[in-house]
Amino acid sequence: MFNSRMFLDAAKSPQFIVCECGVKILVLPDLRLMGNSIETHAAEHKHMKHGSLSDYLEVVRIENLLIKQLFKIIADCDQKP
């Protein structure tokens, strides 16, 4: 879970999750804002793929990709001394 150390670390050296399309999303210590950022970006992908997958599956796939990166950053932060 996010903690005060992550907030301080983010101020010193911001971290990003990166979508396969190249868009970088700033990691924030507020899970609600992070969720909104991920959902908003993923929703944009249904307009980029032009029917290669259903819109819903494309959005879920991108959300999962970004959430996986976010969990890794959180886990790495929690393991720091």
PDB file of N, CA and C in Angstrom:
ATOM      1  N   MET A   1       0.839  -1.183   0.000  1.00  0.00           N
ATOM      2  CA  MET A   1       0.000   0.000   0.000  1.00  0.00           C
ATOM      3  C   MET A   1       0.882   1.242   0.000  1.00  0.00           C
ATOM      4  N   PHE A   2       0.354   2.323  -0.511  1.00  0.00           N
ATOM      5  CA  PHE A   2       1.122   3.552  -0.518  1.00  0.00           C
ATOM      6  C   PHE A   2       1.424   3.974   0.905  1.00  0.00           C
ATOM      7  N   ASN A   3       2.596   4.545   1.102  1.00  0.00           N
ATOM      8  CA  ASN A   3       2.952   5.034   2.424  1.00  0.00           C
ATOM      9  C   ASN A   3       3.623   6.391   2.288  1.00  0.00           C
ATOM     10  N   SER A   4       3.981   6.993   3.414  1.00  0.00           N
ATOM     11  CA  SER A   4       4.563   8.334   3.382  1.00  0.00           C
ATOM     12  C   SER A   4       5.908   8.338   2.673  1.00  0.00           C
ATOM     13  N   ARG A   5       6.660   7.234   2.769  1.00  0.00           N
ATOM     14  CA  ARG A   5       7.953   7.170   2.088  1.00  0.00           C
ATOM     15  C   ARG A   5       7.753   7.297   0.585  1.00  0.00           C
ATOM     16  N   MET A   6       6.744   6.632   0.061  1.00  0.00           N
ATOM     17  CA  MET A   6       6.502   6.707  -1.383  1.00  0.00           C
ATOM     18  C   MET A   6       6.155   8.135  -1.794  1.00  0.00           C
ATOM     19  N   PHE A   7       5.392   8.824  -0.947  1.00  0.00           N
ATOM     20  CA  PHE A   7       5.031  10.201  -1.246  1.00  0.00           C
ATOM     21  C   PHE A   7       6.282  11.074  -1.300  1.00  0.00           C
ATOM     22  N   LEU A   8       7.189  10.898  -0.336  1.00  0.00           N
ATOM     23  CA  LEU A   8       8.421  11.682  -0.301  1.00  0.00           C
ATOM     24  C   LEU A   8       9.342  11.306  -1.459  1.00  0.00           C
ATOM     25  N   ASP A   9       9.454  10.010  -1.750  1.00  0.00           N
ATOM     26  CA  ASP A   9      10.275   9.557  -2.871  1.00  0.00           C
ATOM     27  C   ASP A   9       9.746  10.118  -4.191  1.00  0.00           C
ATOM     28  N   ALA A  10       8.443  10.173  -4.329  1.00  0.00           N
ATOM     29  CA  ALA A  10       7.827  10.667  -5.561  1.00  0.00           C
ATOM     30  C   ALA A  10       8.144  12.146  -5.767  1.00  0.00           C
ATOM     31  N   ALA A  11       8.235  12.893  -4.670  1.00  0.00           N
ATOM     32  CA  ALA A  11       8.565  14.308  -4.784  1.00  0.00           C
ATOM     33  C   ALA A  11      10.008  14.496  -5.251  1.00  0.00           C
ATOM     34  N   LYS A  12      10.886  13.600  -4.822  1.00  0.00           N
ATOM     35  CA  LYS A  12      12.299  13.703  -5.198  1.00  0.00           C
ATOM     36  C   LYS A  12      12.546  13.180  -6.608  1.00  0.00           C
ATOM     37  N   SER A  13      11.955  12.050  -6.924  1.00  0.00           N
ATOM     38  CA  SER A  13      12.172  11.436  -8.231  1.00  0.00           C
ATOM     39  C   SER A  13      10.887  10.758  -8.673  1.00  0.00           C
ATOM     40  N   PRO A  14      10.092  11.458  -9.450  1.00  0.00           N
ATOM     41  CA  PRO A  14       8.785  10.933  -9.869  1.00  0.00           C
ATOM     42  C   PRO A  14       8.923   9.602 -10.614  1.00  0.00           C
ATOM     43  N   GLN A  15       7.964   8.720 -10.384  1.00  0.00           N
ATOM     44  CA  GLN A  15       7.921   7.449 -11.083  1.00  0.00           C
ATOM     45  C   GLN A  15       6.709   7.432 -12.007  1.00  0.00           C
ATOM     46  N   PHE A  16       6.841   6.665 -13.071  1.00  0.00           N
ATOM     47  CA  PHE A  16       5.789   6.589 -14.068  1.00  0.00           C
ATOM     48  C   PHE A  16       5.499   5.133 -14.395  1.00  0.00           C
ATOM     49  N   ILE A  17       4.256   4.864 -14.759  1.00  0.00           N
ATOM     50  CA  ILE A  17       3.922   3.619 -15.432  1.00  0.00           C
ATOM     51  C   ILE A  17       3.819   3.984 -16.900  1.00  0.00           C
ATOM     52  N   VAL A  18       4.199   3.045 -17.772  1.00  0.00           N
ATOM     53  CA  VAL A  18       4.272   3.356 -19.192  1.00  0.00           C
ATOM     54  C   VAL A  18       3.386   2.388 -19.969  1.00  0.00           C
ATOM     55  N   CYS A  19       2.503   2.945 -20.735  1.00  0.00           N
ATOM     56  CA  CYS A  19       1.612   2.149 -21.571  1.00  0.00           C
ATOM     57  C   CYS A  19       2.366   1.670 -22.803  1.00  0.00           C
ATOM     58  N   GLU A  20       1.865   0.627 -23.429  1.00  0.00           N
ATOM     59  CA  GLU A  20       2.489   0.109 -24.651  1.00  0.00           C
ATOM     60  C   GLU A  20       2.460   1.128 -25.784  1.00  0.00           C
ATOM     61  N   CYS A  21       1.577   2.106 -25.708  1.00  0.00           N
ATOM     62  CA  CYS A  21       1.508   3.143 -26.740  1.00  0.00           C
ATOM     63  C   CYS A  21       2.526   4.259 -26.499  1.00  0.00           C
ATOM     64  N   GLY A  22       3.231   4.198 -25.363  1.00  0.00           N
ATOM     65  CA  GLY A  22       4.263   5.184 -25.057  1.00  0.00           C
ATOM     66  C   GLY A  22       3.849   6.258 -24.071  1.00  0.00           C
ATOM     67  N   VAL A  23       2.579   6.343 -23.751  1.00  0.00           N
ATOM     68  CA  VAL A  23       2.108   7.344 -22.806  1.00  0.00           C
ATOM     69  C   VAL A  23       2.610   6.996 -21.407  1.00  0.00           C
ATOM     70  N   LYS A  24       3.149   8.011 -20.716  1.00  0.00           N
ATOM     71  CA  LYS A  24       3.614   7.839 -19.344  1.00  0.00           C
ATOM     72  C   LYS A  24       2.569   8.434 -18.403  1.00  0.00           C
ATOM     73  N   ILE A  25       2.271   7.692 -17.342  1.00  0.00           N
ATOM     74  CA  ILE A  25       1.313   8.155 -16.342  1.00  0.00           C
ATOM     75  C   ILE A  25       2.051   8.277 -15.021  1.00  0.00           C
ATOM     76  N   LEU A  26       2.027   9.459 -14.440  1.00  0.00           N
ATOM     77  CA  LEU A  26       2.702   9.723 -13.178  1.00  0.00           C
ATOM     78  C   LEU A  26       2.078   8.890 -12.064  1.00  0.00           C
ATOM     79  N   VAL A  27       2.929   8.219 -11.273  1.00  0.00           N
ATOM     80  CA  VAL A  27       2.444   7.452 -10.128  1.00  0.00           C
ATOM     81  C   VAL A  27       2.169   8.433  -8.991  1.00  0.00           C
ATOM     82  N   LEU A  28       0.950   8.394  -8.496  1.00  0.00           N
ATOM     83  CA  LEU A  28       0.517   9.275  -7.414  1.00  0.00           C
ATOM     84  C   LEU A  28       0.248   8.456  -6.151  1.00  0.00           C
ATOM     85  N   PRO A  29       0.431   9.045  -4.979  1.00  0.00           N
ATOM     86  CA  PRO A  29       0.165   8.313  -3.741  1.00  0.00           C
ATOM     87  C   PRO A  29      -1.324   8.245  -3.379  1.00  0.00           C
ATOM     88  N   ASP A  30      -2.189   8.568  -4.290  1.00  0.00           N
ATOM     89  CA  ASP A  30      -3.631   8.521  -4.073  1.00  0.00           C
ATOM     90  C   ASP A  30      -4.218   7.461  -5.019  1.00  0.00           C
ATOM     91  N   LEU A  31      -4.681   6.350  -4.460  1.00  0.00           N
ATOM     92  CA  LEU A  31      -5.171   5.250  -5.290  1.00  0.00           C
ATOM     93  C   LEU A  31      -6.384   5.622  -6.136  1.00  0.00           C
ATOM     94  N   ARG A  32      -7.222   6.472  -5.623  1.00  0.00           N
ATOM     95  CA  ARG A  32      -8.399   6.891  -6.397  1.00  0.00           C
ATOM     96  C   ARG A  32      -7.979   7.670  -7.646  1.00  0.00           C
ATOM     97  N   LEU A  33      -7.043   8.594  -7.478  1.00  0.00           N
ATOM     98  CA  LEU A  33      -6.559   9.353  -8.633  1.00  0.00           C
ATOM     99  C   LEU A  33      -5.819   8.460  -9.614  1.00  0.00           C
ATOM    100  N   MET A  34      -5.043   7.513  -9.102  1.00  0.00           N
ATOM    101  CA  MET A  34      -4.333   6.583  -9.985  1.00  0.00           C
ATOM    102  C   MET A  34      -5.334   5.756 -10.787  1.00  0.00           C
ATOM    103  N   GLY A  35      -6.359   5.268 -10.099  1.00  0.00           N
ATOM    104  CA  GLY A  35      -7.392   4.487 -10.787  1.00  0.00           C
ATOM    105  C   GLY A  35      -8.066   5.290 -11.876  1.00  0.00           C
ATOM    106  N   ASN A  36      -8.372   6.541 -11.580  1.00  0.00           N
ATOM    107  CA  ASN A  36      -9.004   7.409 -12.584  1.00  0.00           C
ATOM    108  C   ASN A  36      -8.085   7.634 -13.777  1.00  0.00           C
ATOM    109  N   SER A  37      -6.802   7.843 -13.510  1.00  0.00           N
ATOM    110  CA  SER A  37      -5.838   8.059 -14.593  1.00  0.00           C
ATOM    111  C   SER A  37      -5.735   6.836 -15.489  1.00  0.00           C
ATOM    112  N   ILE A  38      -5.666   5.656 -14.872  1.00  0.00           N
ATOM    113  CA  ILE A  38      -5.563   4.413 -15.638  1.00  0.00           C
ATOM    114  C   ILE A  38      -6.829   4.181 -16.450  1.00  0.00           C
ATOM    115  N   GLU A  39      -7.996   4.353 -15.834  1.00  0.00           N
ATOM    116  CA  GLU A  39      -9.257   4.144 -16.539  1.00  0.00           C
ATOM    117  C   GLU A  39      -9.413   5.111 -17.715  1.00  0.00           C
ATOM    118  N   THR A  40      -9.049   6.357 -17.496  1.00  0.00           N
ATOM    119  CA  THR A  40      -9.172   7.365 -18.551  1.00  0.00           C
ATOM    120  C   THR A  40      -8.273   7.027 -19.736  1.00  0.00           C
ATOM    121  N   HIS A  41      -7.035   6.660 -19.429  1.00  0.00           N
ATOM    122  CA  HIS A  41      -6.130   6.327 -20.528  1.00  0.00           C
ATOM    123  C   HIS A  41      -6.578   5.056 -21.255  1.00  0.00           C
ATOM    124  N   ALA A  42      -6.960   4.049 -20.509  1.00  0.00           N
ATOM    125  CA  ALA A  42      -7.390   2.788 -21.132  1.00  0.00           C
ATOM    126  C   ALA A  42      -8.594   3.015 -22.037  1.00  0.00           C
ATOM    127  N   ALA A  43      -9.500   3.888 -21.640  1.00  0.00           N
ATOM    128  CA  ALA A  43     -10.682   4.171 -22.459  1.00  0.00           C
ATOM    129  C   ALA A  43     -10.284   4.788 -23.798  1.00  0.00           C
ATOM    130  N   GLU A  44      -9.170   5.512 -23.837  1.00  0.00           N
ATOM    131  CA  GLU A  44      -8.707   6.102 -25.092  1.00  0.00           C
ATOM    132  C   GLU A  44      -8.241   5.024 -26.073  1.00  0.00           C
ATOM    133  N   HIS A  45      -7.816   3.872 -25.583  1.00  0.00           N
ATOM    134  CA  HIS A  45      -7.305   2.818 -26.457  1.00  0.00           C
ATOM    135  C   HIS A  45      -8.383   2.202 -27.338  1.00  0.00           C
ATOM    136  N   LYS A  46      -9.613   2.207 -26.908  1.00  0.00           N
ATOM    137  CA  LYS A  46     -10.642   1.606 -27.756  1.00  0.00           C
ATOM    138  C   LYS A  46     -10.781   2.377 -29.063  1.00  0.00           C
ATOM    139  N   HIS A  47     -10.330   3.633 -29.084  1.00  0.00           N
ATOM    140  CA  HIS A  47     -10.373   4.431 -30.306  1.00  0.00           C
ATOM    141  C   HIS A  47      -9.119   4.239 -31.157  1.00  0.00           C
ATOM    142  N   MET A  48      -8.051   3.683 -30.563  1.00  0.00           N
ATOM    143  CA  MET A  48      -6.785   3.500 -31.280  1.00  0.00           C
ATOM    144  C   MET A  48      -6.729   2.189 -32.054  1.00  0.00           C
ATOM    145  N   LYS A  49      -7.403   1.156 -31.604  1.00  0.00           N
ATOM    146  CA  LYS A  49      -7.221  -0.175 -32.162  1.00  0.00           C
ATOM    147  C   LYS A  49      -8.154  -0.492 -33.329  1.00  0.00           C
ATOM    148  N   HIS A  50      -9.193   0.260 -33.525  1.00  0.00           N
ATOM    149  CA  HIS A  50     -10.100   0.106 -34.660  1.00  0.00           C
ATOM    150  C   HIS A  50     -10.618  -1.326 -34.833  1.00  0.00           C
ATOM    151  N   GLY A  51     -11.109  -1.915 -33.748  1.00  0.00           N
ATOM    152  CA  GLY A  51     -11.815  -3.176 -33.865  1.00  0.00           C
ATOM    153  C   GLY A  51     -10.975  -4.432 -33.823  1.00  0.00           C
ATOM    154  N   SER A  52      -9.678  -4.347 -33.479  1.00  0.00           N
ATOM    155  CA  SER A  52      -8.893  -5.572 -33.407  1.00  0.00           C
ATOM    156  C   SER A  52      -9.364  -6.441 -32.235  1.00  0.00           C
ATOM    157  N   LEU A  53      -9.905  -5.832 -31.226  1.00  0.00           N
ATOM    158  CA  LEU A  53     -10.576  -6.514 -30.107  1.00  0.00           C
ATOM    159  C   LEU A  53     -11.846  -5.734 -29.820  1.00  0.00           C
ATOM    160  N   SER A  54     -12.732  -6.344 -29.066  1.00  0.00           N
ATOM    161  CA  SER A  54     -13.908  -5.549 -28.682  1.00  0.00           C
ATOM    162  C   SER A  54     -13.429  -4.409 -27.791  1.00  0.00           C
ATOM    163  N   ASP A  55     -14.178  -3.337 -27.782  1.00  0.00           N
ATOM    164  CA  ASP A  55     -13.796  -2.173 -26.975  1.00  0.00           C
ATOM    165  C   ASP A  55     -13.581  -2.543 -25.517  1.00  0.00           C
ATOM    166  N   TYR A  56     -14.473  -3.304 -24.979  1.00  0.00           N
ATOM    167  CA  TYR A  56     -14.392  -3.671 -23.553  1.00  0.00           C
ATOM    168  C   TYR A  56     -13.123  -4.456 -23.262  1.00  0.00           C
ATOM    169  N   LEU A  57     -12.811  -5.448 -24.081  1.00  0.00           N
ATOM    170  CA  LEU A  57     -11.625  -6.273 -23.846  1.00  0.00           C
ATOM    171  C   LEU A  57     -10.344  -5.463 -23.980  1.00  0.00           C
ATOM    172  N   GLU A  58     -10.326  -4.517 -24.894  1.00  0.00           N
ATOM    173  CA  GLU A  58      -9.149  -3.669 -25.062  1.00  0.00           C
ATOM    174  C   GLU A  58      -8.933  -2.792 -23.834  1.00  0.00           C
ATOM    175  N   VAL A  59     -10.000  -2.207 -23.321  1.00  0.00           N
ATOM    176  CA  VAL A  59      -9.898  -1.367 -22.131  1.00  0.00           C
ATOM    177  C   VAL A  59      -9.404  -2.195 -20.939  1.00  0.00           C
ATOM    178  N   VAL A  60      -9.958  -3.362 -20.739  1.00  0.00           N
ATOM    179  CA  VAL A  60      -9.548  -4.223 -19.624  1.00  0.00           C
ATOM    180  C   VAL A  60      -8.089  -4.643 -19.778  1.00  0.00           C
ATOM    181  N   ARG A  61      -7.674  -4.962 -20.984  1.00  0.00           N
ATOM    182  CA  ARG A  61      -6.289  -5.378 -21.221  1.00  0.00           C
ATOM    183  C   ARG A  61      -5.305  -4.271 -20.864  1.00  0.00           C
ATOM    184  N   ILE A  62      -5.593  -3.054 -21.280  1.00  0.00           N
ATOM    185  CA  ILE A  62      -4.707  -1.919 -20.989  1.00  0.00           C
ATOM    186  C   ILE A  62      -4.731  -1.607 -19.499  1.00  0.00           C
ATOM    187  N   GLU A  63      -5.911  -1.635 -18.875  1.00  0.00           N
ATOM    188  CA  GLU A  63      -5.981  -1.398 -17.428  1.00  0.00           C
ATOM    189  C   GLU A  63      -5.119  -2.411 -16.683  1.00  0.00           C
ATOM    190  N   ASN A  64      -5.211  -3.683 -17.052  1.00  0.00           N
ATOM    191  CA  ASN A  64      -4.426  -4.725 -16.384  1.00  0.00           C
ATOM    192  C   ASN A  64      -2.927  -4.509 -16.582  1.00  0.00           C
ATOM    193  N   LEU A  65      -2.529  -4.114 -17.773  1.00  0.00           N
ATOM    194  CA  LEU A  65      -1.124  -3.832 -18.057  1.00  0.00           C
ATOM    195  C   LEU A  65      -0.593  -2.733 -17.132  1.00  0.00           C
ATOM    196  N   LEU A  66      -1.351  -1.668 -16.991  1.00  0.00           N
ATOM    197  CA  LEU A  66      -0.921  -0.532 -16.175  1.00  0.00           C
ATOM    198  C   LEU A  66      -0.992  -0.849 -14.684  1.00  0.00           C
ATOM    199  N   ILE A  67      -2.023  -1.544 -14.255  1.00  0.00           N
ATOM    200  CA  ILE A  67      -2.160  -1.901 -12.844  1.00  0.00           C
ATOM    201  C   ILE A  67      -1.023  -2.824 -12.415  1.00  0.00           C
ATOM    202  N   LYS A  68      -0.633  -3.740 -13.272  1.00  0.00           N
ATOM    203  CA  LYS A  68       0.475  -4.648 -12.969  1.00  0.00           C
ATOM    204  C   LYS A  68       1.760  -3.856 -12.720  1.00  0.00           C
ATOM    205  N   GLN A  69       2.018  -2.852 -13.553  1.00  0.00           N
ATOM    206  CA  GLN A  69       3.196  -2.008 -13.344  1.00  0.00           C
ATOM    207  C   GLN A  69       3.106  -1.238 -12.036  1.00  0.00           C
ATOM    208  N   LEU A  70       1.922  -0.727 -11.729  1.00  0.00           N
ATOM    209  CA  LEU A  70       1.722   0.027 -10.497  1.00  0.00           C
ATOM    210  C   LEU A  70       1.967  -0.844  -9.274  1.00  0.00           C
ATOM    211  N   PHE A  71       1.444  -2.072  -9.276  1.00  0.00           N
ATOM    212  CA  PHE A  71       1.667  -2.980  -8.151  1.00  0.00           C
ATOM    213  C   PHE A  71       3.144  -3.279  -7.968  1.00  0.00           C
ATOM    214  N   LYS A  72       3.887  -3.399  -9.055  1.00  0.00           N
ATOM    215  CA  LYS A  72       5.324  -3.660  -8.945  1.00  0.00           C
ATOM    216  C   LYS A  72       6.026  -2.483  -8.281  1.00  0.00           C
ATOM    217  N   ILE A  73       5.666  -1.271  -8.656  1.00  0.00           N
ATOM    218  CA  ILE A  73       6.266  -0.081  -8.043  1.00  0.00           C
ATOM    219  C   ILE A  73       5.941  -0.025  -6.563  1.00  0.00           C
ATOM    220  N   ILE A  74       4.694  -0.321  -6.206  1.00  0.00           N
ATOM    221  CA  ILE A  74       4.295  -0.301  -4.796  1.00  0.00           C
ATOM    222  C   ILE A  74       5.062  -1.358  -4.012  1.00  0.00           C
ATOM    223  N   ALA A  75       5.164  -2.560  -4.562  1.00  0.00           N
ATOM    224  CA  ALA A  75       5.877  -3.657  -3.887  1.00  0.00           C
ATOM    225  C   ALA A  75       7.353  -3.291  -3.705  1.00  0.00           C
ATOM    226  N   ASP A  76       7.965  -2.727  -4.732  1.00  0.00           N
ATOM    227  CA  ASP A  76       9.372  -2.332  -4.635  1.00  0.00           C
ATOM    228  C   ASP A  76       9.576  -1.271  -3.572  1.00  0.00           C
ATOM    229  N   CYS A  77       8.641  -0.349  -3.461  1.00  0.00           N
ATOM    230  CA  CYS A  77       8.735   0.713  -2.468  1.00  0.00           C
ATOM    231  C   CYS A  77       8.606   0.133  -1.055  1.00  0.00           C
ATOM    232  N   ASP A  78       7.704  -0.815  -0.875  1.00  0.00           N
ATOM    233  CA  ASP A  78       7.498  -1.412   0.437  1.00  0.00           C
ATOM    234  C   ASP A  78       8.702  -2.231   0.895  1.00  0.00           C
ATOM    235  N   GLN A  79       9.530  -2.685  -0.049  1.00  0.00           N
ATOM    236  CA  GLN A  79      10.690  -3.505   0.301  1.00  0.00           C
ATOM    237  C   GLN A  79      11.912  -2.660   0.625  1.00  0.00           C
ATOM    238  N   LYS A  80      11.867  -1.365   0.336  1.00  0.00           N
ATOM    239  CA  LYS A  80      13.002  -0.492   0.660  1.00  0.00           C
ATOM    240  C   LYS A  80      13.087  -0.317   2.175  1.00  0.00           C
ATOM    241  N   PRO A  81      14.316  -0.251   2.693  1.00  0.00           N
ATOM    242  CA  PRO A  81      14.477  -0.057   4.154  1.00  0.00           C
ATOM    243  C   PRO A  81      14.044   1.298   4.622  1.00  0.00           C
TER     244      PRO A  81
END
